[in-house]
Amino acid sequence: MNPEEGAALRDIQGYARANRVEFGPHAKKRMRERGAYEGDVVEALAKASRCTKNKECSDRWDVTGEDLDGDSLTAVVVIEDGIAVVTIFEK
């Protein structure tokens, strides 16, 4: 993990621990389809172990962590005004 990714990971973890996470419409739709809850995603972001720059959009991060059940999930996150905004969800 490079320094930029490490800084983004720390920021996203902090926002998640402070419950400063919002969900875009696409992420909410995918979460419903896959049976995931906001708490699962927030937990995964708070305990994330991996953060890489999104290949399609340079201002977004692919963040991977374990949800409340210990299952791995990945969320695409953009940092906006001190909030982690989940734009896409994958499980």
PDB file of N, CA and C in Angstrom:
ATOM      1  N   MET A   1       0.861  -1.170   0.000  1.00  0.00           N
ATOM      2  CA  MET A   1       0.000   0.000   0.000  1.00  0.00           C
ATOM      3  C   MET A   1       0.906   1.231   0.000  1.00  0.00           C
ATOM      4  N   ASN A   2       0.651   2.139  -0.923  1.00  0.00           N
ATOM      5  CA  ASN A   2       1.464   3.351  -0.990  1.00  0.00           C
ATOM      6  C   ASN A   2       0.953   4.381   0.030  1.00  0.00           C
ATOM      7  N   PRO A   3       1.705   5.455   0.264  1.00  0.00           N
ATOM      8  CA  PRO A   3       1.300   6.439   1.283  1.00  0.00           C
ATOM      9  C   PRO A   3      -0.079   7.061   1.035  1.00  0.00           C
ATOM     10  N   GLU A   4      -0.417   7.322  -0.218  1.00  0.00           N
ATOM     11  CA  GLU A   4      -1.727   7.905  -0.526  1.00  0.00           C
ATOM     12  C   GLU A   4      -2.849   6.932  -0.159  1.00  0.00           C
ATOM     13  N   GLU A   5      -2.658   5.652  -0.484  1.00  0.00           N
ATOM     14  CA  GLU A   5      -3.655   4.637  -0.139  1.00  0.00           C
ATOM     15  C   GLU A   5      -3.761   4.467   1.376  1.00  0.00           C
ATOM     16  N   GLY A   6      -2.622   4.499   2.060  1.00  0.00           N
ATOM     17  CA  GLY A   6      -2.620   4.386   3.515  1.00  0.00           C
ATOM     18  C   GLY A   6      -3.368   5.538   4.172  1.00  0.00           C
ATOM     19  N   ALA A   7      -3.161   6.748   3.668  1.00  0.00           N
ATOM     20  CA  ALA A   7      -3.861   7.914   4.217  1.00  0.00           C
ATOM     21  C   ALA A   7      -5.362   7.816   3.966  1.00  0.00           C
ATOM     22  N   ALA A   8      -5.744   7.385   2.761  1.00  0.00           N
ATOM     23  CA  ALA A   8      -7.168   7.229   2.444  1.00  0.00           C
ATOM     24  C   ALA A   8      -7.789   6.162   3.341  1.00  0.00           C
ATOM     25  N   LEU A   9      -7.086   5.053   3.552  1.00  0.00           N
ATOM     26  CA  LEU A   9      -7.591   3.987   4.411  1.00  0.00           C
ATOM     27  C   LEU A   9      -7.827   4.504   5.827  1.00  0.00           C
ATOM     28  N   ARG A  10      -6.865   5.224   6.377  1.00  0.00           N
ATOM     29  CA  ARG A  10      -7.021   5.771   7.733  1.00  0.00           C
ATOM     30  C   ARG A  10      -8.197   6.740   7.807  1.00  0.00           C
ATOM     31  N   ASP A  11      -8.347   7.586   6.798  1.00  0.00           N
ATOM     32  CA  ASP A  11      -9.471   8.533   6.779  1.00  0.00           C
ATOM     33  C   ASP A  11     -10.806   7.794   6.739  1.00  0.00           C
ATOM     34  N   ILE A  12     -10.916   6.824   5.838  1.00  0.00           N
ATOM     35  CA  ILE A  12     -12.170   6.082   5.671  1.00  0.00           C
ATOM     36  C   ILE A  12     -12.493   5.297   6.939  1.00  0.00           C
ATOM     37  N   GLN A  13     -11.500   4.655   7.540  1.00  0.00           N
ATOM     38  CA  GLN A  13     -11.730   3.943   8.798  1.00  0.00           C
ATOM     39  C   GLN A  13     -12.243   4.905   9.871  1.00  0.00           C
ATOM     40  N   GLY A  14     -11.634   6.077   9.958  1.00  0.00           N
ATOM     41  CA  GLY A  14     -12.053   7.061  10.952  1.00  0.00           C
ATOM     42  C   GLY A  14     -13.469   7.551  10.722  1.00  0.00           C
ATOM     43  N   TYR A  15     -13.809   7.826   9.469  1.00  0.00           N
ATOM     44  CA  TYR A  15     -15.176   8.267   9.154  1.00  0.00           C
ATOM     45  C   TYR A  15     -16.182   7.179   9.519  1.00  0.00           C
ATOM     46  N   ALA A  16     -15.828   5.926   9.223  1.00  0.00           N
ATOM     47  CA  ALA A  16     -16.738   4.823   9.546  1.00  0.00           C
ATOM     48  C   ALA A  16     -16.906   4.679  11.056  1.00  0.00           C
ATOM     49  N   ARG A  17     -15.817   4.776  11.801  1.00  0.00           N
ATOM     50  CA  ARG A  17     -15.907   4.662  13.267  1.00  0.00           C
ATOM     51  C   ARG A  17     -16.730   5.796  13.866  1.00  0.00           C
ATOM     52  N   ALA A  18     -16.717   6.961  13.214  1.00  0.00           N
ATOM     53  CA  ALA A  18     -17.503   8.111  13.675  1.00  0.00           C
ATOM     54  C   ALA A  18     -18.908   8.110  13.073  1.00  0.00           C
ATOM     55  N   ASN A  19     -19.240   7.036  12.349  1.00  0.00           N
ATOM     56  CA  ASN A  19     -20.537   6.898  11.677  1.00  0.00           C
ATOM     57  C   ASN A  19     -20.794   8.034  10.683  1.00  0.00           C
ATOM     58  N   ARG A  20     -19.746   8.453  10.011  1.00  0.00           N
ATOM     59  CA  ARG A  20     -19.861   9.496   8.992  1.00  0.00           C
ATOM     60  C   ARG A  20     -19.765   8.835   7.614  1.00  0.00           C
ATOM     61  N   VAL A  21     -20.772   8.009   7.336  1.00  0.00           N
ATOM     62  CA  VAL A  21     -20.847   7.255   6.085  1.00  0.00           C
ATOM     63  C   VAL A  21     -22.221   7.492   5.477  1.00  0.00           C
ATOM     64  N   GLU A  22     -22.240   7.767   4.183  1.00  0.00           N
ATOM     65  CA  GLU A  22     -23.488   7.892   3.441  1.00  0.00           C
ATOM     66  C   GLU A  22     -23.468   6.898   2.298  1.00  0.00           C
ATOM     67  N   PHE A  23     -24.657   6.569   1.790  1.00  0.00           N
ATOM     68  CA  PHE A  23     -24.783   5.557   0.746  1.00  0.00           C
ATOM     69  C   PHE A  23     -25.496   6.140  -0.460  1.00  0.00           C
ATOM     70  N   GLY A  24     -24.866   6.004  -1.628  1.00  0.00           N
ATOM     71  CA  GLY A  24     -25.494   6.445  -2.866  1.00  0.00           C
ATOM     72  C   GLY A  24     -26.586   5.476  -3.276  1.00  0.00           C
ATOM     73  N   PRO A  25     -27.461   5.902  -4.203  1.00  0.00           N
ATOM     74  CA  PRO A  25     -28.581   5.055  -4.629  1.00  0.00           C
ATOM     75  C   PRO A  25     -28.142   3.713  -5.215  1.00  0.00           C
ATOM     76  N   HIS A  26     -27.080   3.706  -6.000  1.00  0.00           N
ATOM     77  CA  HIS A  26     -26.614   2.465  -6.614  1.00  0.00           C
ATOM     78  C   HIS A  26     -26.126   1.489  -5.537  1.00  0.00           C
ATOM     79  N   ALA A  27     -25.413   2.009  -4.553  1.00  0.00           N
ATOM     80  CA  ALA A  27     -24.926   1.157  -3.466  1.00  0.00           C
ATOM     81  C   ALA A  27     -26.103   0.574  -2.680  1.00  0.00           C
ATOM     82  N   LYS A  28     -27.102   1.392  -2.394  1.00  0.00           N
ATOM     83  CA  LYS A  28     -28.274   0.906  -1.651  1.00  0.00           C
ATOM     84  C   LYS A  28     -28.982  -0.201  -2.420  1.00  0.00           C
ATOM     85  N   LYS A  29     -29.104  -0.026  -3.729  1.00  0.00           N
ATOM     86  CA  LYS A  29     -29.762  -1.038  -4.558  1.00  0.00           C
ATOM     87  C   LYS A  29     -28.994  -2.356  -4.510  1.00  0.00           C
ATOM     88  N   ARG A  30     -27.671  -2.288  -4.678  1.00  0.00           N
ATOM     89  CA  ARG A  30     -26.847  -3.503  -4.654  1.00  0.00           C
ATOM     90  C   ARG A  30     -26.876  -4.167  -3.275  1.00  0.00           C
ATOM     91  N   MET A  31     -26.907  -3.365  -2.224  1.00  0.00           N
ATOM     92  CA  MET A  31     -26.970  -3.924  -0.879  1.00  0.00           C
ATOM     93  C   MET A  31     -28.270  -4.702  -0.686  1.00  0.00           C
ATOM     94  N   ARG A  32     -29.382  -4.135  -1.136  1.00  0.00           N
ATOM     95  CA  ARG A  32     -30.675  -4.842  -1.028  1.00  0.00           C
ATOM     96  C   ARG A  32     -30.624  -6.156  -1.790  1.00  0.00           C
ATOM     97  N   GLU A  33     -30.077  -6.124  -3.006  1.00  0.00           N
ATOM     98  CA  GLU A  33     -30.002  -7.324  -3.841  1.00  0.00           C
ATOM     99  C   GLU A  33     -29.150  -8.416  -3.192  1.00  0.00           C
ATOM    100  N   ARG A  34     -28.138  -8.014  -2.431  1.00  0.00           N
ATOM    101  CA  ARG A  34     -27.197  -8.975  -1.864  1.00  0.00           C
ATOM    102  C   ARG A  34     -27.427  -9.237  -0.386  1.00  0.00           C
ATOM    103  N   GLY A  35     -28.496  -8.672   0.171  1.00  0.00           N
ATOM    104  CA  GLY A  35     -28.841  -8.942   1.559  1.00  0.00           C
ATOM    105  C   GLY A  35     -27.880  -8.351   2.575  1.00  0.00           C
ATOM    106  N   ALA A  36     -27.263  -7.247   2.242  1.00  0.00           N
ATOM    107  CA  ALA A  36     -26.340  -6.587   3.172  1.00  0.00           C
ATOM    108  C   ALA A  36     -27.023  -5.381   3.797  1.00  0.00           C
ATOM    109  N   TYR A  37     -26.583  -5.039   4.976  1.00  0.00           N
ATOM    110  CA  TYR A  37     -27.135  -3.902   5.697  1.00  0.00           C
ATOM    111  C   TYR A  37     -26.080  -2.810   5.840  1.00  0.00           C
ATOM    112  N   GLU A  38     -26.536  -1.591   6.086  1.00  0.00           N
ATOM    113  CA  GLU A  38     -25.603  -0.478   6.255  1.00  0.00           C
ATOM    114  C   GLU A  38     -24.586  -0.782   7.343  1.00  0.00           C
ATOM    115  N   GLY A  39     -25.035  -1.418   8.418  1.00  0.00           N
ATOM    116  CA  GLY A  39     -24.116  -1.768   9.505  1.00  0.00           C
ATOM    117  C   GLY A  39     -22.987  -2.678   9.061  1.00  0.00           C
ATOM    118  N   ASP A  40     -23.293  -3.597   8.128  1.00  0.00           N
ATOM    119  CA  ASP A  40     -22.253  -4.473   7.580  1.00  0.00           C
ATOM    120  C   ASP A  40     -21.184  -3.670   6.857  1.00  0.00           C
ATOM    121  N   VAL A  41     -21.622  -2.719   6.048  1.00  0.00           N
ATOM    122  CA  VAL A  41     -20.679  -1.934   5.262  1.00  0.00           C
ATOM    123  C   VAL A  41     -19.870  -1.008   6.166  1.00  0.00           C
ATOM    124  N   VAL A  42     -20.530  -0.372   7.113  1.00  0.00           N
ATOM    125  CA  VAL A  42     -19.820   0.517   8.043  1.00  0.00           C
ATOM    126  C   VAL A  42     -18.769  -0.278   8.816  1.00  0.00           C
ATOM    127  N   GLU A  43     -19.131  -1.469   9.275  1.00  0.00           N
ATOM    128  CA  GLU A  43     -18.181  -2.332   9.992  1.00  0.00           C
ATOM    129  C   GLU A  43     -16.994  -2.676   9.102  1.00  0.00           C
ATOM    130  N   ALA A  44     -17.265  -3.038   7.858  1.00  0.00           N
ATOM    131  CA  ALA A  44     -16.189  -3.392   6.932  1.00  0.00           C
ATOM    132  C   ALA A  44     -15.267  -2.201   6.676  1.00  0.00           C
ATOM    133  N   LEU A  45     -15.840  -1.013   6.561  1.00  0.00           N
ATOM    134  CA  LEU A  45     -15.008   0.177   6.347  1.00  0.00           C
ATOM    135  C   LEU A  45     -14.181   0.488   7.591  1.00  0.00           C
ATOM    136  N   ALA A  46     -14.774   0.345   8.762  1.00  0.00           N
ATOM    137  CA  ALA A  46     -14.060   0.638  10.005  1.00  0.00           C
ATOM    138  C   ALA A  46     -12.891  -0.316  10.220  1.00  0.00           C
ATOM    139  N   LYS A  47     -13.045  -1.565   9.775  1.00  0.00           N
ATOM    140  CA  LYS A  47     -12.005  -2.579   9.973  1.00  0.00           C
ATOM    141  C   LYS A  47     -11.277  -2.915   8.670  1.00  0.00           C
ATOM    142  N   ALA A  48     -11.401  -2.063   7.695  1.00  0.00           N
ATOM    143  CA  ALA A  48     -10.829  -2.349   6.369  1.00  0.00           C
ATOM    144  C   ALA A  48      -9.342  -2.663   6.455  1.00  0.00           C
ATOM    145  N   SER A  49      -8.940  -3.611   5.634  1.00  0.00           N
ATOM    146  CA  SER A  49      -7.532  -4.011   5.589  1.00  0.00           C
ATOM    147  C   SER A  49      -6.885  -3.668   4.246  1.00  0.00           C
ATOM    148  N   ARG A  50      -7.696  -3.248   3.299  1.00  0.00           N
ATOM    149  CA  ARG A  50      -7.177  -2.966   1.960  1.00  0.00           C
ATOM    150  C   ARG A  50      -7.877  -1.754   1.378  1.00  0.00           C
ATOM    151  N   CYS A  51      -7.090  -0.881   0.755  1.00  0.00           N
ATOM    152  CA  CYS A  51      -7.631   0.316   0.103  1.00  0.00           C
ATOM    153  C   CYS A  51      -6.758   0.623  -1.096  1.00  0.00           C
ATOM    154  N   THR A  52      -7.363   0.608  -2.275  1.00  0.00           N
ATOM    155  CA  THR A  52      -6.627   0.916  -3.500  1.00  0.00           C
ATOM    156  C   THR A  52      -7.418   1.923  -4.321  1.00  0.00           C
ATOM    157  N   LYS A  53      -6.700   2.683  -5.116  1.00  0.00           N
ATOM    158  CA  LYS A  53      -7.351   3.660  -5.982  1.00  0.00           C
ATOM    159  C   LYS A  53      -8.182   2.913  -7.017  1.00  0.00           C
ATOM    160  N   ASN A  54      -9.414   3.352  -7.205  1.00  0.00           N
ATOM    161  CA  ASN A  54     -10.311   2.736  -8.176  1.00  0.00           C
ATOM    162  C   ASN A  54      -9.741   2.922  -9.575  1.00  0.00           C
ATOM    163  N   LYS A  55      -9.751   1.877 -10.367  1.00  0.00           N
ATOM    164  CA  LYS A  55      -9.161   1.928 -11.709  1.00  0.00           C
ATOM    165  C   LYS A  55      -9.963   2.762 -12.695  1.00  0.00           C
ATOM    166  N   GLU A  56     -11.268   2.901 -12.454  1.00  0.00           N
ATOM    167  CA  GLU A  56     -12.123   3.621 -13.396  1.00  0.00           C
ATOM    168  C   GLU A  56     -12.288   5.100 -13.057  1.00  0.00           C
ATOM    169  N   CYS A  57     -12.121   5.442 -11.795  1.00  0.00           N
ATOM    170  CA  CYS A  57     -12.365   6.818 -11.366  1.00  0.00           C
ATOM    171  C   CYS A  57     -11.338   7.184 -10.296  1.00  0.00           C
ATOM    172  N   SER A  58     -10.451   8.094 -10.608  1.00  0.00           N
ATOM    173  CA  SER A  58      -9.300   8.357  -9.745  1.00  0.00           C
ATOM    174  C   SER A  58      -9.629   9.000  -8.405  1.00  0.00           C
ATOM    175  N   ASP A  59     -10.850   9.508  -8.215  1.00  0.00           N
ATOM    176  CA  ASP A  59     -11.179  10.106  -6.920  1.00  0.00           C
ATOM    177  C   ASP A  59     -11.918   9.116  -6.010  1.00  0.00           C
ATOM    178  N   ARG A  60     -11.968   7.854  -6.409  1.00  0.00           N
ATOM    179  CA  ARG A  60     -12.676   6.825  -5.642  1.00  0.00           C
ATOM    180  C   ARG A  60     -11.703   5.758  -5.176  1.00  0.00           C
ATOM    181  N   TRP A  61     -12.094   5.095  -4.094  1.00  0.00           N
ATOM    182  CA  TRP A  61     -11.256   4.070  -3.477  1.00  0.00           C
ATOM    183  C   TRP A  61     -12.012   2.757  -3.375  1.00  0.00           C
ATOM    184  N   ASP A  62     -11.339   1.662  -3.691  1.00  0.00           N
ATOM    185  CA  ASP A  62     -11.874   0.317  -3.486  1.00  0.00           C
ATOM    186  C   ASP A  62     -11.408  -0.124  -2.104  1.00  0.00           C
ATOM    187  N   VAL A  63     -12.353  -0.295  -1.196  1.00  0.00           N
ATOM    188  CA  VAL A  63     -12.031  -0.568   0.205  1.00  0.00           C
ATOM    189  C   VAL A  63     -12.610  -1.928   0.585  1.00  0.00           C
ATOM    190  N   THR A  64     -11.768  -2.803   1.120  1.00  0.00           N
ATOM    191  CA  THR A  64     -12.175  -4.157   1.469  1.00  0.00           C
ATOM    192  C   THR A  64     -11.976  -4.405   2.960  1.00  0.00           C
ATOM    193  N   GLY A  65     -13.000  -5.003   3.566  1.00  0.00           N
ATOM    194  CA  GLY A  65     -12.938  -5.362   4.976  1.00  0.00           C
ATOM    195  C   GLY A  65     -13.967  -6.426   5.283  1.00  0.00           C
ATOM    196  N   GLU A  66     -14.042  -6.817   6.546  1.00  0.00           N
ATOM    197  CA  GLU A  66     -14.991  -7.848   6.973  1.00  0.00           C
ATOM    198  C   GLU A  66     -16.235  -7.217   7.580  1.00  0.00           C
ATOM    199  N   ASP A  67     -17.405  -7.762   7.204  1.00  0.00           N
ATOM    200  CA  ASP A  67     -18.668  -7.254   7.736  1.00  0.00           C
ATOM    201  C   ASP A  67     -18.926  -7.839   9.125  1.00  0.00           C
ATOM    202  N   LEU A  68     -20.122  -7.619   9.648  1.00  0.00           N
ATOM    203  CA  LEU A  68     -20.464  -8.071  10.995  1.00  0.00           C
ATOM    204  C   LEU A  68     -20.416  -9.586  11.151  1.00  0.00           C
ATOM    205  N   ASP A  69     -20.580 -10.324  10.057  1.00  0.00           N
ATOM    206  CA  ASP A  69     -20.525 -11.784  10.083  1.00  0.00           C
ATOM    207  C   ASP A  69     -19.135 -12.327   9.760  1.00  0.00           C
ATOM    208  N   GLY A  70     -18.186 -11.435   9.509  1.00  0.00           N
ATOM    209  CA  GLY A  70     -16.839 -11.865   9.153  1.00  0.00           C
ATOM    210  C   GLY A  70     -16.650 -12.140   7.675  1.00  0.00           C
ATOM    211  N   ASP A  71     -17.677 -11.838   6.866  1.00  0.00           N
ATOM    212  CA  ASP A  71     -17.568 -12.024   5.421  1.00  0.00           C
ATOM    213  C   ASP A  71     -16.852 -10.829   4.796  1.00  0.00           C
ATOM    214  N   SER A  72     -16.042 -11.094   3.810  1.00  0.00           N
ATOM    215  CA  SER A  72     -15.328 -10.027   3.120  1.00  0.00           C
ATOM    216  C   SER A  72     -16.264  -9.284   2.174  1.00  0.00           C
ATOM    217  N   LEU A  73     -16.159  -7.962   2.177  1.00  0.00           N
ATOM    218  CA  LEU A  73     -16.915  -7.181   1.199  1.00  0.00           C
ATOM    219  C   LEU A  73     -16.067  -6.003   0.752  1.00  0.00           C
ATOM    220  N   THR A  74     -16.376  -5.523  -0.434  1.00  0.00           N
ATOM    221  CA  THR A  74     -15.669  -4.381  -1.007  1.00  0.00           C
ATOM    222  C   THR A  74     -16.675  -3.299  -1.342  1.00  0.00           C
ATOM    223  N   ALA A  75     -16.339  -2.084  -0.976  1.00  0.00           N
ATOM    224  CA  ALA A  75     -17.164  -0.925  -1.296  1.00  0.00           C
ATOM    225  C   ALA A  75     -16.306   0.071  -2.052  1.00  0.00           C
ATOM    226  N   VAL A  76     -16.914   0.750  -2.993  1.00  0.00           N
ATOM    227  CA  VAL A  76     -16.239   1.848  -3.688  1.00  0.00           C
ATOM    228  C   VAL A  76     -16.654   3.124  -2.974  1.00  0.00           C
ATOM    229  N   VAL A  77     -15.660   3.869  -2.506  1.00  0.00           N
ATOM    230  CA  VAL A  77     -15.900   5.007  -1.630  1.00  0.00           C
ATOM    231  C   VAL A  77     -15.255   6.260  -2.209  1.00  0.00           C
ATOM    232  N   VAL A  78     -15.966   7.363  -2.089  1.00  0.00           N
ATOM    233  CA  VAL A  78     -15.398   8.673  -2.391  1.00  0.00           C
ATOM    234  C   VAL A  78     -15.457   9.485  -1.100  1.00  0.00           C
ATOM    235  N   ILE A  79     -14.420  10.236  -0.843  1.00  0.00           N
ATOM    236  CA  ILE A  79     -14.373  11.080   0.350  1.00  0.00           C
ATOM    237  C   ILE A  79     -14.834  12.471  -0.037  1.00  0.00           C
ATOM    238  N   GLU A  80     -15.901  12.940   0.609  1.00  0.00           N
ATOM    239  CA  GLU A  80     -16.470  14.253   0.311  1.00  0.00           C
ATOM    240  C   GLU A  80     -16.745  14.992   1.610  1.00  0.00           C
ATOM    241  N   ASP A  81     -16.101  16.115   1.816  1.00  0.00           N
ATOM    242  CA  ASP A  81     -16.386  16.982   2.966  1.00  0.00           C
ATOM    243  C   ASP A  81     -16.418  16.231   4.294  1.00  0.00           C
ATOM    244  N   GLY A  82     -15.423  15.394   4.533  1.00  0.00           N
ATOM    245  CA  GLY A  82     -15.335  14.688   5.799  1.00  0.00           C
ATOM    246  C   GLY A  82     -16.315  13.555   5.971  1.00  0.00           C
ATOM    247  N   ILE A  83     -16.813  13.025   4.872  1.00  0.00           N
ATOM    248  CA  ILE A  83     -17.756  11.905   4.902  1.00  0.00           C
ATOM    249  C   ILE A  83     -17.296  10.866   3.882  1.00  0.00           C
ATOM    250  N   ALA A  84     -17.409   9.600   4.241  1.00  0.00           N
ATOM    251  CA  ALA A  84     -17.147   8.522   3.296  1.00  0.00           C
ATOM    252  C   ALA A  84     -18.464   8.191   2.599  1.00  0.00           C
ATOM    253  N   VAL A  85     -18.530   8.399   1.299  1.00  0.00           N
ATOM    254  CA  VAL A  85     -19.745   8.145   0.544  1.00  0.00           C
ATOM    255  C   VAL A  85     -19.545   6.848  -0.246  1.00  0.00           C
ATOM    256  N   VAL A  86     -20.361   5.839   0.073  1.00  0.00           N
ATOM    257  CA  VAL A  86     -20.294   4.556  -0.629  1.00  0.00           C
ATOM    258  C   VAL A  86     -21.093   4.693  -1.907  1.00  0.00           C
ATOM    259  N   THR A  87     -20.422   4.501  -3.040  1.00  0.00           N
ATOM    260  CA  THR A  87     -21.076   4.665  -4.331  1.00  0.00           C
ATOM    261  C   THR A  87     -21.459   3.325  -4.958  1.00  0.00           C
ATOM    262  N   ILE A  88     -20.674   2.301  -4.705  1.00  0.00           N
ATOM    263  CA  ILE A  88     -20.930   0.964  -5.249  1.00  0.00           C
ATOM    264  C   ILE A  88     -20.578  -0.045  -4.170  1.00  0.00           C
ATOM    265  N   PHE A  89     -21.348  -1.104  -4.110  1.00  0.00           N
ATOM    266  CA  PHE A  89     -21.136  -2.143  -3.104  1.00  0.00           C
ATOM    267  C   PHE A  89     -20.981  -3.483  -3.792  1.00  0.00           C
ATOM    268  N   GLU A  90     -20.011  -4.272  -3.354  1.00  0.00           N
ATOM    269  CA  GLU A  90     -19.803  -5.622  -3.875  1.00  0.00           C
ATOM    270  C   GLU A  90     -19.631  -6.565  -2.701  1.00  0.00           C
ATOM    271  N   LYS A  91     -20.177  -7.747  -2.833  1.00  0.00           N
ATOM    272  CA  LYS A  91     -19.979  -8.744  -1.771  1.00  0.00           C
ATOM    273  C   LYS A  91     -19.624 -10.062  -2.388  1.00  0.00           C
TER     274      LYS A  91
END
